[in-house]
Amino acid sequence: MKTRETAKRMAYIGAGAGVVLFAVIGLLPGSFLGGVIGLNIAGSLFGMPVDSVLLPRLIVGIFMLFGVLISGIIFIMGSTVIGWLVGYLIESLRAQKNEAPEMKRRDIAH
């Protein structure tokens, strides 16, 4: 249990699953939510309806990018942590299972 190999492997599996989930579920909503936030900010700065000049478009684009990045961080980091926790739980259960016979042998010897 000293090396924590199972926890590392499960964290990698969780990260891979998070990338897939992000690509399937999180990419488009992250872009939409970031774009809506960007439109609201640009609308409050430049008035509604927002014109199609450079600065409001830049604000909306930057917030769309932030929305995608935050969505990616949530999906990938969340699934990585869940995978690591599952791997750590498996390792701790294996360690308890391996330690239990040793404790019984000590009790019998005394």
PDB file of N, CA and C in Angstrom:
ATOM      1  N   MET A   1       0.820  -1.195   0.000  1.00  0.00           N
ATOM      2  CA  MET A   1       0.000   0.000   0.000  1.00  0.00           C
ATOM      3  C   MET A   1       0.862   1.257   0.000  1.00  0.00           C
ATOM      4  N   LYS A   2       2.158   1.104   0.084  1.00  0.00           N
ATOM      5  CA  LYS A   2       3.031   2.266   0.147  1.00  0.00           C
ATOM      6  C   LYS A   2       3.098   3.013  -1.175  1.00  0.00           C
ATOM      7  N   THR A   3       2.976   2.319  -2.290  1.00  0.00           N
ATOM      8  CA  THR A   3       3.184   2.981  -3.577  1.00  0.00           C
ATOM      9  C   THR A   3       1.927   3.653  -4.111  1.00  0.00           C
ATOM     10  N   ARG A   4       0.746   3.223  -3.708  1.00  0.00           N
ATOM     11  CA  ARG A   4      -0.523   3.802  -4.148  1.00  0.00           C
ATOM     12  C   ARG A   4      -0.718   3.707  -5.669  1.00  0.00           C
ATOM     13  N   GLU A   5      -0.278   2.594  -6.246  1.00  0.00           N
ATOM     14  CA  GLU A   5      -0.381   2.408  -7.701  1.00  0.00           C
ATOM     15  C   GLU A   5      -1.824   2.325  -8.164  1.00  0.00           C
ATOM     16  N   THR A   6      -2.663   1.645  -7.413  1.00  0.00           N
ATOM     17  CA  THR A   6      -4.066   1.524  -7.809  1.00  0.00           C
ATOM     18  C   THR A   6      -4.743   2.882  -7.801  1.00  0.00           C
ATOM     19  N   ALA A   7      -4.444   3.702  -6.829  1.00  0.00           N
ATOM     20  CA  ALA A   7      -5.038   5.038  -6.764  1.00  0.00           C
ATOM     21  C   ALA A   7      -4.600   5.884  -7.959  1.00  0.00           C
ATOM     22  N   LYS A   8      -3.334   5.767  -8.343  1.00  0.00           N
ATOM     23  CA  LYS A   8      -2.842   6.519  -9.501  1.00  0.00           C
ATOM     24  C   LYS A   8      -3.513   6.054 -10.784  1.00  0.00           C
ATOM     25  N   ARG A   9      -3.609   4.738 -10.941  1.00  0.00           N
ATOM     26  CA  ARG A   9      -4.246   4.201 -12.150  1.00  0.00           C
ATOM     27  C   ARG A   9      -5.699   4.622 -12.237  1.00  0.00           C
ATOM     28  N   MET A  10      -6.404   4.553 -11.131  1.00  0.00           N
ATOM     29  CA  MET A  10      -7.815   4.945 -11.138  1.00  0.00           C
ATOM     30  C   MET A  10      -7.967   6.449 -11.379  1.00  0.00           C
ATOM     31  N   ALA A  11      -7.015   7.242 -10.913  1.00  0.00           N
ATOM     32  CA  ALA A  11      -7.054   8.682 -11.189  1.00  0.00           C
ATOM     33  C   ALA A  11      -6.877   8.937 -12.684  1.00  0.00           C
ATOM     34  N   TYR A  12      -5.980   8.205 -13.331  1.00  0.00           N
ATOM     35  CA  TYR A  12      -5.805   8.350 -14.780  1.00  0.00           C
ATOM     36  C   TYR A  12      -7.055   7.912 -15.537  1.00  0.00           C
ATOM     37  N   ILE A  13      -7.661   6.826 -15.093  1.00  0.00           N
ATOM     38  CA  ILE A  13      -8.902   6.366 -15.726  1.00  0.00           C
ATOM     39  C   ILE A  13      -9.997   7.409 -15.532  1.00  0.00           C
ATOM     40  N   GLY A  14     -10.076   7.978 -14.338  1.00  0.00           N
ATOM     41  CA  GLY A  14     -11.064   9.020 -14.073  1.00  0.00           C
ATOM     42  C   GLY A  14     -10.831  10.262 -14.918  1.00  0.00           C
ATOM     43  N   ALA A  15      -9.565  10.620 -15.117  1.00  0.00           N
ATOM     44  CA  ALA A  15      -9.255  11.783 -15.958  1.00  0.00           C
ATOM     45  C   ALA A  15      -9.664  11.523 -17.407  1.00  0.00           C
ATOM     46  N   GLY A  16      -9.402  10.321 -17.893  1.00  0.00           N
ATOM     47  CA  GLY A  16      -9.820   9.979 -19.250  1.00  0.00           C
ATOM     48  C   GLY A  16     -11.329  10.011 -19.401  1.00  0.00           C
ATOM     49  N   ALA A  17     -12.027   9.479 -18.406  1.00  0.00           N
ATOM     50  CA  ALA A  17     -13.488   9.529 -18.440  1.00  0.00           C
ATOM     51  C   ALA A  17     -13.982  10.971 -18.365  1.00  0.00           C
ATOM     52  N   GLY A  18     -13.286  11.812 -17.599  1.00  0.00           N
ATOM     53  CA  GLY A  18     -13.667  13.215 -17.507  1.00  0.00           C
ATOM     54  C   GLY A  18     -13.497  13.954 -18.819  1.00  0.00           C
ATOM     55  N   VAL A  19     -12.438  13.638 -19.560  1.00  0.00           N
ATOM     56  CA  VAL A  19     -12.229  14.254 -20.871  1.00  0.00           C
ATOM     57  C   VAL A  19     -13.355  13.870 -21.816  1.00  0.00           C
ATOM     58  N   VAL A  20     -13.720  12.578 -21.794  1.00  0.00           N
ATOM     59  CA  VAL A  20     -14.809  12.121 -22.671  1.00  0.00           C
ATOM     60  C   VAL A  20     -16.128  12.780 -22.268  1.00  0.00           C
ATOM     61  N   LEU A  21     -16.416  12.812 -20.976  1.00  0.00           N
ATOM     62  CA  LEU A  21     -17.652  13.451 -20.516  1.00  0.00           C
ATOM     63  C   LEU A  21     -17.675  14.938 -20.850  1.00  0.00           C
ATOM     64  N   PHE A  22     -16.533  15.583 -20.709  1.00  0.00           N
ATOM     65  CA  PHE A  22     -16.459  17.004 -21.052  1.00  0.00           C
ATOM     66  C   PHE A  22     -16.738  17.217 -22.532  1.00  0.00           C
ATOM     67  N   ALA A  23     -16.153  16.379 -23.377  1.00  0.00           N
ATOM     68  CA  ALA A  23     -16.362  16.534 -24.817  1.00  0.00           C
ATOM     69  C   ALA A  23     -17.807  16.274 -25.201  1.00  0.00           C
ATOM     70  N   VAL A  24     -18.441  15.313 -24.538  1.00  0.00           N
ATOM     71  CA  VAL A  24     -19.807  14.947 -24.902  1.00  0.00           C
ATOM     72  C   VAL A  24     -20.829  15.869 -24.242  1.00  0.00           C
ATOM     73  N   ILE A  25     -20.647  16.163 -22.966  1.00  0.00           N
ATOM     74  CA  ILE A  25     -21.674  16.874 -22.207  1.00  0.00           C
ATOM     75  C   ILE A  25     -21.319  18.329 -21.904  1.00  0.00           C
ATOM     76  N   GLY A  26     -20.066  18.632 -21.611  1.00  0.00           N
ATOM     77  CA  GLY A  26     -19.731  19.929 -21.041  1.00  0.00           C
ATOM     78  C   GLY A  26     -19.302  21.018 -21.995  1.00  0.00           C
ATOM     79  N   LEU A  27     -18.885  20.671 -23.197  1.00  0.00           N
ATOM     80  CA  LEU A  27     -18.316  21.670 -24.102  1.00  0.00           C
ATOM     81  C   LEU A  27     -19.356  22.689 -24.560  1.00  0.00           C
ATOM     82  N   LEU A  28     -20.452  22.226 -25.075  1.00  0.00           N
ATOM     83  CA  LEU A  28     -21.470  23.131 -25.602  1.00  0.00           C
ATOM     84  C   LEU A  28     -22.156  23.959 -24.511  1.00  0.00           C
ATOM     85  N   PRO A  29     -22.608  23.345 -23.398  1.00  0.00           N
ATOM     86  CA  PRO A  29     -23.206  24.179 -22.345  1.00  0.00           C
ATOM     87  C   PRO A  29     -22.234  25.185 -21.737  1.00  0.00           C
ATOM     88  N   GLY A  30     -20.953  24.811 -21.621  1.00  0.00           N
ATOM     89  CA  GLY A  30     -19.969  25.765 -21.106  1.00  0.00           C
ATOM     90  C   GLY A  30     -19.839  26.967 -22.011  1.00  0.00           C
ATOM     91  N   SER A  31     -19.854  26.719 -23.316  1.00  0.00           N
ATOM     92  CA  SER A  31     -19.784  27.807 -24.284  1.00  0.00           C
ATOM     93  C   SER A  31     -21.037  28.675 -24.225  1.00  0.00           C
ATOM     94  N   PHE A  32     -22.193  28.038 -24.124  1.00  0.00           N
ATOM     95  CA  PHE A  32     -23.443  28.796 -24.053  1.00  0.00           C
ATOM     96  C   PHE A  32     -23.515  29.658 -22.801  1.00  0.00           C
ATOM     97  N   LEU A  33     -23.223  29.068 -21.656  1.00  0.00           N
ATOM     98  CA  LEU A  33     -23.309  29.828 -20.405  1.00  0.00           C
ATOM     99  C   LEU A  33     -22.296  30.962 -20.369  1.00  0.00           C
ATOM    100  N   GLY A  34     -21.082  30.698 -20.831  1.00  0.00           N
ATOM    101  CA  GLY A  34     -20.079  31.765 -20.896  1.00  0.00           C
ATOM    102  C   GLY A  34     -20.496  32.868 -21.857  1.00  0.00           C
ATOM    103  N   GLY A  35     -21.109  32.485 -22.984  1.00  0.00           N
ATOM    104  CA  GLY A  35     -21.583  33.483 -23.939  1.00  0.00           C
ATOM    105  C   GLY A  35     -22.699  34.346 -23.382  1.00  0.00           C
ATOM    106  N   VAL A  36     -23.599  33.738 -22.624  1.00  0.00           N
ATOM    107  CA  VAL A  36     -24.697  34.502 -22.003  1.00  0.00           C
ATOM    108  C   VAL A  36     -24.153  35.471 -20.974  1.00  0.00           C
ATOM    109  N   ILE A  37     -23.195  35.013 -20.176  1.00  0.00           N
ATOM    110  CA  ILE A  37     -22.575  35.906 -19.195  1.00  0.00           C
ATOM    111  C   ILE A  37     -21.862  37.050 -19.910  1.00  0.00           C
ATOM    112  N   GLY A  38     -21.145  36.723 -20.986  1.00  0.00           N
ATOM    113  CA  GLY A  38     -20.462  37.756 -21.762  1.00  0.00           C
ATOM    114  C   GLY A  38     -21.433  38.743 -22.392  1.00  0.00           C
ATOM    115  N   LEU A  39     -22.563  38.252 -22.898  1.00  0.00           N
ATOM    116  CA  LEU A  39     -23.574  39.151 -23.456  1.00  0.00           C
ATOM    117  C   LEU A  39     -24.157  40.072 -22.396  1.00  0.00           C
ATOM    118  N   ASN A  40     -24.402  39.539 -21.215  1.00  0.00           N
ATOM    119  CA  ASN A  40     -24.932  40.379 -20.135  1.00  0.00           C
ATOM    120  C   ASN A  40     -23.929  41.456 -19.728  1.00  0.00           C
ATOM    121  N   ILE A  41     -22.668  41.089 -19.653  1.00  0.00           N
ATOM    122  CA  ILE A  41     -21.652  42.079 -19.277  1.00  0.00           C
ATOM    123  C   ILE A  41     -21.490  43.117 -20.388  1.00  0.00           C
ATOM    124  N   ALA A  42     -21.420  42.653 -21.634  1.00  0.00           N
ATOM    125  CA  ALA A  42     -21.289  43.602 -22.749  1.00  0.00           C
ATOM    126  C   ALA A  42     -22.525  44.481 -22.857  1.00  0.00           C
ATOM    127  N   GLY A  43     -23.698  43.913 -22.590  1.00  0.00           N
ATOM    128  CA  GLY A  43     -24.929  44.704 -22.619  1.00  0.00           C
ATOM    129  C   GLY A  43     -24.967  45.753 -21.532  1.00  0.00           C
ATOM    130  N   SER A  44     -24.451  45.419 -20.357  1.00  0.00           N
ATOM    131  CA  SER A  44     -24.435  46.406 -19.282  1.00  0.00           C
ATOM    132  C   SER A  44     -23.400  47.497 -19.533  1.00  0.00           C
ATOM    133  N   LEU A  45     -22.323  47.162 -20.248  1.00  0.00           N
ATOM    134  CA  LEU A  45     -21.301  48.172 -20.535  1.00  0.00           C
ATOM    135  C   LEU A  45     -21.665  49.044 -21.742  1.00  0.00           C
ATOM    136  N   PHE A  46     -22.212  48.445 -22.788  1.00  0.00           N
ATOM    137  CA  PHE A  46     -22.430  49.163 -24.043  1.00  0.00           C
ATOM    138  C   PHE A  46     -23.896  49.373 -24.378  1.00  0.00           C
ATOM    139  N   GLY A  47     -24.802  48.888 -23.559  1.00  0.00           N
ATOM    140  CA  GLY A  47     -26.226  49.042 -23.805  1.00  0.00           C
ATOM    141  C   GLY A  47     -26.769  47.900 -24.651  1.00  0.00           C
ATOM    142  N   MET A  48     -28.057  47.624 -24.416  1.00  0.00           N
ATOM    143  CA  MET A  48     -28.731  46.563 -25.164  1.00  0.00           C
ATOM    144  C   MET A  48     -29.502  47.189 -26.301  1.00  0.00           C
ATOM    145  N   PRO A  49     -29.652  46.611 -27.410  1.00  0.00           N
ATOM    146  CA  PRO A  49     -28.992  45.419 -27.916  1.00  0.00           C
ATOM    147  C   PRO A  49     -27.521  45.711 -28.213  1.00  0.00           C
ATOM    148  N   VAL A  50     -26.711  44.692 -28.047  1.00  0.00           N
ATOM    149  CA  VAL A  50     -25.266  44.829 -28.215  1.00  0.00           C
ATOM    150  C   VAL A  50     -24.946  44.943 -29.698  1.00  0.00           C
ATOM    151  N   ASP A  51     -24.175  45.974 -30.052  1.00  0.00           N
ATOM    152  CA  ASP A  51     -23.742  46.136 -31.446  1.00  0.00           C
ATOM    153  C   ASP A  51     -22.670  45.108 -31.774  1.00  0.00           C
ATOM    154  N   SER A  52     -22.433  44.954 -33.059  1.00  0.00           N
ATOM    155  CA  SER A  52     -21.438  43.963 -33.477  1.00  0.00           C
ATOM    156  C   SER A  52     -20.088  44.615 -33.757  1.00  0.00           C
ATOM    157  N   VAL A  53     -19.688  45.532 -32.898  1.00  0.00           N
ATOM    158  CA  VAL A  53     -18.353  46.120 -33.014  1.00  0.00           C
ATOM    159  C   VAL A  53     -17.364  45.222 -32.286  1.00  0.00           C
ATOM    160  N   LEU A  54     -16.113  45.553 -32.361  1.00  0.00           N
ATOM    161  CA  LEU A  54     -15.057  44.651 -31.921  1.00  0.00           C
ATOM    162  C   LEU A  54     -15.064  44.378 -30.419  1.00  0.00           C
ATOM    163  N   LEU A  55     -15.161  45.401 -29.592  1.00  0.00           N
ATOM    164  CA  LEU A  55     -15.008  45.212 -28.149  1.00  0.00           C
ATOM    165  C   LEU A  55     -16.108  44.338 -27.536  1.00  0.00           C
ATOM    166  N   PRO A  56     -17.391  44.544 -27.844  1.00  0.00           N
ATOM    167  CA  PRO A  56     -18.394  43.620 -27.286  1.00  0.00           C
ATOM    168  C   PRO A  56     -18.216  42.180 -27.786  1.00  0.00           C
ATOM    169  N   ARG A  57     -17.833  42.014 -29.020  1.00  0.00           N
ATOM    170  CA  ARG A  57     -17.589  40.666 -29.542  1.00  0.00           C
ATOM    171  C   ARG A  57     -16.411  40.016 -28.827  1.00  0.00           C
ATOM    172  N   LEU A  58     -15.400  40.810 -28.536  1.00  0.00           N
ATOM    173  CA  LEU A  58     -14.241  40.302 -27.812  1.00  0.00           C
ATOM    174  C   LEU A  58     -14.621  39.881 -26.394  1.00  0.00           C
ATOM    175  N   ILE A  59     -15.451  40.684 -25.741  1.00  0.00           N
ATOM    176  CA  ILE A  59     -15.901  40.348 -24.383  1.00  0.00           C
ATOM    177  C   ILE A  59     -16.690  39.038 -24.392  1.00  0.00           C
ATOM    178  N   VAL A  60     -17.607  38.891 -25.349  1.00  0.00           N
ATOM    179  CA  VAL A  60     -18.402  37.672 -25.435  1.00  0.00           C
ATOM    180  C   VAL A  60     -17.510  36.471 -25.741  1.00  0.00           C
ATOM    181  N   GLY A  61     -16.563  36.621 -26.633  1.00  0.00           N
ATOM    182  CA  GLY A  61     -15.660  35.524 -26.971  1.00  0.00           C
ATOM    183  C   GLY A  61     -14.791  35.097 -25.802  1.00  0.00           C
ATOM    184  N   ILE A  62     -14.293  36.059 -25.055  1.00  0.00           N
ATOM    185  CA  ILE A  62     -13.456  35.732 -23.890  1.00  0.00           C
ATOM    186  C   ILE A  62     -14.266  34.996 -22.836  1.00  0.00           C
ATOM    187  N   PHE A  63     -15.503  35.442 -22.606  1.00  0.00           N
ATOM    188  CA  PHE A  63     -16.314  34.757 -21.606  1.00  0.00           C
ATOM    189  C   PHE A  63     -16.786  33.389 -22.091  1.00  0.00           C
ATOM    190  N   MET A  64     -16.942  33.199 -23.388  1.00  0.00           N
ATOM    191  CA  MET A  64     -17.232  31.861 -23.908  1.00  0.00           C
ATOM    192  C   MET A  64     -16.047  30.938 -23.644  1.00  0.00           C
ATOM    193  N   LEU A  65     -14.853  31.435 -23.854  1.00  0.00           N
ATOM    194  CA  LEU A  65     -13.655  30.647 -23.579  1.00  0.00           C
ATOM    195  C   LEU A  65     -13.547  30.319 -22.093  1.00  0.00           C
ATOM    196  N   PHE A  66     -13.829  31.297 -21.225  1.00  0.00           N
ATOM    197  CA  PHE A  66     -13.807  31.036 -19.788  1.00  0.00           C
ATOM    198  C   PHE A  66     -14.842  29.991 -19.397  1.00  0.00           C
ATOM    199  N   GLY A  67     -16.024  30.049 -19.999  1.00  0.00           N
ATOM    200  CA  GLY A  67     -17.055  29.058 -19.712  1.00  0.00           C
ATOM    201  C   GLY A  67     -16.617  27.662 -20.088  1.00  0.00           C
ATOM    202  N   VAL A  68     -15.968  27.519 -21.240  1.00  0.00           N
ATOM    203  CA  VAL A  68     -15.472  26.213 -21.673  1.00  0.00           C
ATOM    204  C   VAL A  68     -14.353  25.739 -20.751  1.00  0.00           C
ATOM    205  N   LEU A  69     -13.452  26.624 -20.365  1.00  0.00           N
ATOM    206  CA  LEU A  69     -12.349  26.239 -19.478  1.00  0.00           C
ATOM    207  C   LEU A  69     -12.845  25.810 -18.099  1.00  0.00           C
ATOM    208  N   ILE A  70     -13.793  26.540 -17.553  1.00  0.00           N
ATOM    209  CA  ILE A  70     -14.328  26.191 -16.239  1.00  0.00           C
ATOM    210  C   ILE A  70     -15.075  24.873 -16.305  1.00  0.00           C
ATOM    211  N   SER A  71     -15.838  24.672 -17.360  1.00  0.00           N
ATOM    212  CA  SER A  71     -16.535  23.397 -17.533  1.00  0.00           C
ATOM    213  C   SER A  71     -15.542  22.246 -17.644  1.00  0.00           C
ATOM    214  N   GLY A  72     -14.468  22.434 -18.393  1.00  0.00           N
ATOM    215  CA  GLY A  72     -13.444  21.397 -18.514  1.00  0.00           C
ATOM    216  C   GLY A  72     -12.773  21.099 -17.190  1.00  0.00           C
ATOM    217  N   ILE A  73     -12.468  22.129 -16.439  1.00  0.00           N
ATOM    218  CA  ILE A  73     -11.831  21.934 -15.133  1.00  0.00           C
ATOM    219  C   ILE A  73     -12.752  21.149 -14.208  1.00  0.00           C
ATOM    220  N   ILE A  74     -14.025  21.500 -14.206  1.00  0.00           N
ATOM    221  CA  ILE A  74     -14.967  20.805 -13.320  1.00  0.00           C
ATOM    222  C   ILE A  74     -15.093  19.340 -13.708  1.00  0.00           C
ATOM    223  N   PHE A  75     -15.282  19.059 -14.985  1.00  0.00           N
ATOM    224  CA  PHE A  75     -15.453  17.672 -15.412  1.00  0.00           C
ATOM    225  C   PHE A  75     -14.191  16.853 -15.199  1.00  0.00           C
ATOM    226  N   ILE A  76     -13.055  17.361 -15.633  1.00  0.00           N
ATOM    227  CA  ILE A  76     -11.832  16.569 -15.587  1.00  0.00           C
ATOM    228  C   ILE A  76     -11.321  16.423 -14.153  1.00  0.00           C
ATOM    229  N   MET A  77     -11.270  17.502 -13.405  1.00  0.00           N
ATOM    230  CA  MET A  77     -10.779  17.402 -12.029  1.00  0.00           C
ATOM    231  C   MET A  77     -11.740  16.613 -11.150  1.00  0.00           C
ATOM    232  N   GLY A  78     -13.019  16.807 -11.348  1.00  0.00           N
ATOM    233  CA  GLY A  78     -13.998  16.068 -10.546  1.00  0.00           C
ATOM    234  C   GLY A  78     -13.899  14.571 -10.762  1.00  0.00           C
ATOM    235  N   SER A  79     -13.825  14.159 -12.006  1.00  0.00           N
ATOM    236  CA  SER A  79     -13.740  12.723 -12.275  1.00  0.00           C
ATOM    237  C   SER A  79     -12.374  12.161 -11.875  1.00  0.00           C
ATOM    238  N   THR A  80     -11.327  12.961 -11.942  1.00  0.00           N
ATOM    239  CA  THR A  80     -10.013  12.506 -11.479  1.00  0.00           C
ATOM    240  C   THR A  80     -10.030  12.260  -9.966  1.00  0.00           C
ATOM    241  N   VAL A  81     -10.611  13.167  -9.233  1.00  0.00           N
ATOM    242  CA  VAL A  81     -10.687  13.010  -7.775  1.00  0.00           C
ATOM    243  C   VAL A  81     -11.553  11.803  -7.415  1.00  0.00           C
ATOM    244  N   ILE A  82     -12.667  11.629  -8.113  1.00  0.00           N
ATOM    245  CA  ILE A  82     -13.523  10.474  -7.844  1.00  0.00           C
ATOM    246  C   ILE A  82     -12.771   9.179  -8.145  1.00  0.00           C
ATOM    247  N   GLY A  83     -12.065   9.124  -9.262  1.00  0.00           N
ATOM    248  CA  GLY A  83     -11.277   7.940  -9.595  1.00  0.00           C
ATOM    249  C   GLY A  83     -10.192   7.672  -8.578  1.00  0.00           C
ATOM    250  N   TRP A  84      -9.515   8.713  -8.123  1.00  0.00           N
ATOM    251  CA  TRP A  84      -8.459   8.540  -7.122  1.00  0.00           C
ATOM    252  C   TRP A  84      -9.046   8.017  -5.816  1.00  0.00           C
ATOM    253  N   LEU A  85     -10.193   8.553  -5.413  1.00  0.00           N
ATOM    254  CA  LEU A  85     -10.821   8.096  -4.177  1.00  0.00           C
ATOM    255  C   LEU A  85     -11.237   6.631  -4.271  1.00  0.00           C
ATOM    256  N   VAL A  86     -11.764   6.225  -5.416  1.00  0.00           N
ATOM    257  CA  VAL A  86     -12.132   4.821  -5.604  1.00  0.00           C
ATOM    258  C   VAL A  86     -10.887   3.938  -5.535  1.00  0.00           C
ATOM    259  N   GLY A  87      -9.802   4.350  -6.177  1.00  0.00           N
ATOM    260  CA  GLY A  87      -8.558   3.589  -6.115  1.00  0.00           C
ATOM    261  C   GLY A  87      -7.994   3.513  -4.711  1.00  0.00           C
ATOM    262  N   TYR A  88      -8.067   4.602  -3.983  1.00  0.00           N
ATOM    263  CA  TYR A  88      -7.579   4.613  -2.605  1.00  0.00           C
ATOM    264  C   TYR A  88      -8.430   3.699  -1.734  1.00  0.00           C
ATOM    265  N   LEU A  89      -9.738   3.699  -1.953  1.00  0.00           N
ATOM    266  CA  LEU A  89     -10.635   2.821  -1.210  1.00  0.00           C
ATOM    267  C   LEU A  89     -10.321   1.353  -1.502  1.00  0.00           C
ATOM    268  N   ILE A  90     -10.088   1.031  -2.762  1.00  0.00           N
ATOM    269  CA  ILE A  90      -9.725  -0.339  -3.130  1.00  0.00           C
ATOM    270  C   ILE A  90      -8.425  -0.748  -2.455  1.00  0.00           C
ATOM    271  N   GLU A  91      -7.431   0.122  -2.467  1.00  0.00           N
ATOM    272  CA  GLU A  91      -6.159  -0.199  -1.818  1.00  0.00           C
ATOM    273  C   GLU A  91      -6.313  -0.387  -0.315  1.00  0.00           C
ATOM    274  N   SER A  92      -7.114   0.455   0.309  1.00  0.00           N
ATOM    275  CA  SER A  92      -7.279   0.314   1.763  1.00  0.00           C
ATOM    276  C   SER A  92      -8.031  -0.964   2.106  1.00  0.00           C
ATOM    277  N   LEU A  93      -9.000  -1.345   1.282  1.00  0.00           N
ATOM    278  CA  LEU A  93      -9.701  -2.603   1.526  1.00  0.00           C
ATOM    279  C   LEU A  93      -8.779  -3.798   1.326  1.00  0.00           C
ATOM    280  N   ARG A  94      -7.909  -3.732   0.320  1.00  0.00           N
ATOM    281  CA  ARG A  94      -6.940  -4.804   0.114  1.00  0.00           C
ATOM    282  C   ARG A  94      -5.965  -4.898   1.288  1.00  0.00           C
ATOM    283  N   ALA A  95      -5.539  -3.765   1.792  1.00  0.00           N
ATOM    284  CA  ALA A  95      -4.595  -3.756   2.913  1.00  0.00           C
ATOM    285  C   ALA A  95      -5.241  -4.331   4.167  1.00  0.00           C
ATOM    286  N   GLN A  96      -6.495  -3.998   4.417  1.00  0.00           N
ATOM    287  CA  GLN A  96      -7.192  -4.549   5.572  1.00  0.00           C
ATOM    288  C   GLN A  96      -7.373  -6.056   5.429  1.00  0.00           C
ATOM    289  N   LYS A  97      -7.653  -6.487   4.222  1.00  0.00           N
ATOM    290  CA  LYS A  97      -7.841  -7.911   3.978  1.00  0.00           C
ATOM    291  C   LYS A  97      -6.527  -8.673   4.188  1.00  0.00           C
ATOM    292  N   ASN A  98      -5.410  -8.078   3.786  1.00  0.00           N
ATOM    293  CA  ASN A  98      -4.110  -8.721   3.953  1.00  0.00           C
ATOM    294  C   ASN A  98      -3.625  -8.685   5.402  1.00  0.00           C
ATOM    295  N   GLU A  99      -3.998  -7.653   6.157  1.00  0.00           N
ATOM    296  CA  GLU A  99      -3.560  -7.540   7.545  1.00  0.00           C
ATOM    297  C   GLU A  99      -4.370  -8.427   8.479  1.00  0.00           C
ATOM    298  N   ALA A 100      -5.592  -8.718   8.146  1.00  0.00           N
ATOM    299  CA  ALA A 100      -6.456  -9.501   9.029  1.00  0.00           C
ATOM    300  C   ALA A 100      -5.904 -10.893   9.318  1.00  0.00           C
ATOM    301  N   PRO A 101      -5.431 -11.683   8.346  1.00  0.00           N
ATOM    302  CA  PRO A 101      -4.862 -13.007   8.684  1.00  0.00           C
ATOM    303  C   PRO A 101      -3.618 -12.912   9.553  1.00  0.00           C
ATOM    304  N   GLU A 102      -2.806 -11.896   9.381  1.00  0.00           N
ATOM    305  CA  GLU A 102      -1.606 -11.743  10.197  1.00  0.00           C
ATOM    306  C   GLU A 102      -1.971 -11.515  11.659  1.00  0.00           C
ATOM    307  N   MET A 103      -3.006 -10.735  11.910  1.00  0.00           N
ATOM    308  CA  MET A 103      -3.423 -10.469  13.280  1.00  0.00           C
ATOM    309  C   MET A 103      -3.965 -11.736  13.930  1.00  0.00           C
ATOM    310  N   LYS A 104      -4.668 -12.562  13.166  1.00  0.00           N
ATOM    311  CA  LYS A 104      -5.198 -13.800  13.720  1.00  0.00           C
ATOM    312  C   LYS A 104      -4.067 -14.755  14.077  1.00  0.00           C
ATOM    313  N   ARG A 105      -3.038 -14.807  13.246  1.00  0.00           N
ATOM    314  CA  ARG A 105      -1.909 -15.692  13.524  1.00  0.00           C
ATOM    315  C   ARG A 105      -1.182 -15.275  14.793  1.00  0.00           C
ATOM    316  N   ARG A 106      -1.068 -13.997  15.031  1.00  0.00           N
ATOM    317  CA  ARG A 106      -0.414 -13.519  16.253  1.00  0.00           C
ATOM    318  C   ARG A 106      -1.211 -13.915  17.491  1.00  0.00           C
ATOM    319  N   ASP A 107      -2.541 -13.795  17.387  1.00  0.00           N
ATOM    320  CA  ASP A 107      -3.379 -14.137  18.517  1.00  0.00           C
ATOM    321  C   ASP A 107      -3.290 -15.619  18.841  1.00  0.00           C
ATOM    322  N   ILE A 108      -3.205 -16.467  17.847  1.00  0.00           N
ATOM    323  CA  ILE A 108      -3.121 -17.911  18.044  1.00  0.00           C
ATOM    324  C   ILE A 108      -1.781 -18.287  18.663  1.00  0.00           C
ATOM    325  N   ALA A 109      -0.705 -17.619  18.233  1.00  0.00           N
ATOM    326  CA  ALA A 109       0.638 -17.941  18.717  1.00  0.00           C
ATOM    327  C   ALA A 109       0.795 -17.631  20.201  1.00  0.00           C
ATOM    328  N   HIS A 110       0.097 -16.637  20.685  1.00  0.00           N
ATOM    329  CA  HIS A 110       0.272 -16.238  22.097  1.00  0.00           C
ATOM    330  C   HIS A 110      -0.633 -17.004  22.921  1.00  0.00           C
TER     331      HIS A 110
END
